[in-house]
């Protein structure tokens, strides 16, 4: 079993906190986030995932 260096653990915790703050700010501004994590395995296999009920993206 490998172990996680304390400085690396601290860095990852800081990154997780920043991501959480960014998500909160994004949602407070009225923007929507779409969790596509469950589709990643399909994408990794080279297949095109179906994304029902998703509005057109604004770029």
C-alpha atoms as a PDB file:
ATOM      1  CA  UNK A   1       0.000   0.000   0.000  1.00  0.00           C
ATOM      2  CA  UNK A   2       1.365   3.433  -0.863  1.00  0.00           C
ATOM      3  CA  UNK A   3       1.219   6.407   1.470  1.00  0.00           C
ATOM      4  CA  UNK A   4       0.490  10.048   0.757  1.00  0.00           C
ATOM      5  CA  UNK A   5       3.142  12.585   1.695  1.00  0.00           C
ATOM      6  CA  UNK A   6       1.756  15.177   4.163  1.00  0.00           C
ATOM      7  CA  UNK A   7       2.713  18.113   1.918  1.00  0.00           C
ATOM      8  CA  UNK A   8       0.967  16.461  -1.023  1.00  0.00           C
ATOM      9  CA  UNK A   9      -2.079  15.767   1.140  1.00  0.00           C
ATOM     10  CA  UNK A  10      -2.147  19.418   2.202  1.00  0.00           C
ATOM     11  CA  UNK A  11      -1.876  20.557  -1.414  1.00  0.00           C
ATOM     12  CA  UNK A  12      -4.724  18.267  -2.480  1.00  0.00           C
ATOM     13  CA  UNK A  13      -6.913  19.497   0.372  1.00  0.00           C
ATOM     14  CA  UNK A  14      -6.260  23.100  -0.663  1.00  0.00           C
ATOM     15  CA  UNK A  15      -7.138  22.271  -4.273  1.00  0.00           C
ATOM     16  CA  UNK A  16     -10.353  20.539  -3.182  1.00  0.00           C
ATOM     17  CA  UNK A  17     -11.316  23.596  -1.139  1.00  0.00           C
ATOM     18  CA  UNK A  18     -10.660  25.898  -4.116  1.00  0.00           C
ATOM     19  CA  UNK A  19     -12.773  23.689  -6.379  1.00  0.00           C
ATOM     20  CA  UNK A  20     -15.613  23.718  -3.844  1.00  0.00           C
ATOM     21  CA  UNK A  21     -15.444  27.528  -3.623  1.00  0.00           C
ATOM     22  CA  UNK A  22     -15.421  27.834  -7.417  1.00  0.00           C
ATOM     23  CA  UNK A  23     -18.451  25.564  -7.737  1.00  0.00           C
ATOM     24  CA  UNK A  24     -20.313  27.563  -5.079  1.00  0.00           C
ATOM     25  CA  UNK A  25     -19.554  30.877  -6.823  1.00  0.00           C
ATOM     26  CA  UNK A  26     -20.595  29.403 -10.173  1.00  0.00           C
ATOM     27  CA  UNK A  27     -23.906  28.161  -8.774  1.00  0.00           C
ATOM     28  CA  UNK A  28     -24.580  31.415  -6.904  1.00  0.00           C
ATOM     29  CA  UNK A  29     -24.212  33.299 -10.179  1.00  0.00           C
ATOM     30  CA  UNK A  30     -27.040  31.194 -11.620  1.00  0.00           C
ATOM     31  CA  UNK A  31     -24.888  28.983 -13.820  1.00  0.00           C
ATOM     32  CA  UNK A  32     -25.581  25.272 -14.025  1.00  0.00           C
ATOM     33  CA  UNK A  33     -23.061  22.503 -13.627  1.00  0.00           C
ATOM     34  CA  UNK A  34     -23.546  19.170 -15.341  1.00  0.00           C
ATOM     35  CA  UNK A  35     -22.020  16.115 -13.701  1.00  0.00           C
ATOM     36  CA  UNK A  36     -20.764  13.972 -16.556  1.00  0.00           C
ATOM     37  CA  UNK A  37     -18.524  11.748 -14.455  1.00  0.00           C
ATOM     38  CA  UNK A  38     -20.671   8.673 -15.044  1.00  0.00           C
ATOM     39  CA  UNK A  39     -20.220   9.150 -18.789  1.00  0.00           C
ATOM     40  CA  UNK A  40     -16.428   9.156 -18.618  1.00  0.00           C
ATOM     41  CA  UNK A  41     -16.082   5.398 -18.876  1.00  0.00           C
ATOM     42  CA  UNK A  42     -18.112   5.486 -22.092  1.00  0.00           C
ATOM     43  CA  UNK A  43     -15.934   8.267 -23.473  1.00  0.00           C
ATOM     44  CA  UNK A  44     -12.808   6.376 -22.441  1.00  0.00           C
ATOM     45  CA  UNK A  45     -14.023   3.413 -24.472  1.00  0.00           C
ATOM     46  CA  UNK A  46     -14.280   5.636 -27.550  1.00  0.00           C
ATOM     47  CA  UNK A  47     -18.068   5.653 -27.664  1.00  0.00           C
ATOM     48  CA  UNK A  48     -20.255   8.721 -27.972  1.00  0.00           C
ATOM     49  CA  UNK A  49     -22.408   9.093 -24.848  1.00  0.00           C
ATOM     50  CA  UNK A  50     -26.041  10.119 -25.150  1.00  0.00           C
ATOM     51  CA  UNK A  51     -26.809  13.253 -23.158  1.00  0.00           C
ATOM     52  CA  UNK A  52     -30.594  13.606 -22.914  1.00  0.00           C
ATOM     53  CA  UNK A  53     -32.310  16.763 -21.724  1.00  0.00           C
ATOM     54  CA  UNK A  54     -29.221  18.912 -21.942  1.00  0.00           C
ATOM     55  CA  UNK A  55     -29.720  22.393 -23.381  1.00  0.00           C
ATOM     56  CA  UNK A  56     -27.415  23.720 -26.053  1.00  0.00           C
ATOM     57  CA  UNK A  57     -24.149  24.906 -24.598  1.00  0.00           C
ATOM     58  CA  UNK A  58     -23.160  28.554 -24.763  1.00  0.00           C
ATOM     59  CA  UNK A  59     -19.509  29.055 -25.530  1.00  0.00           C
END
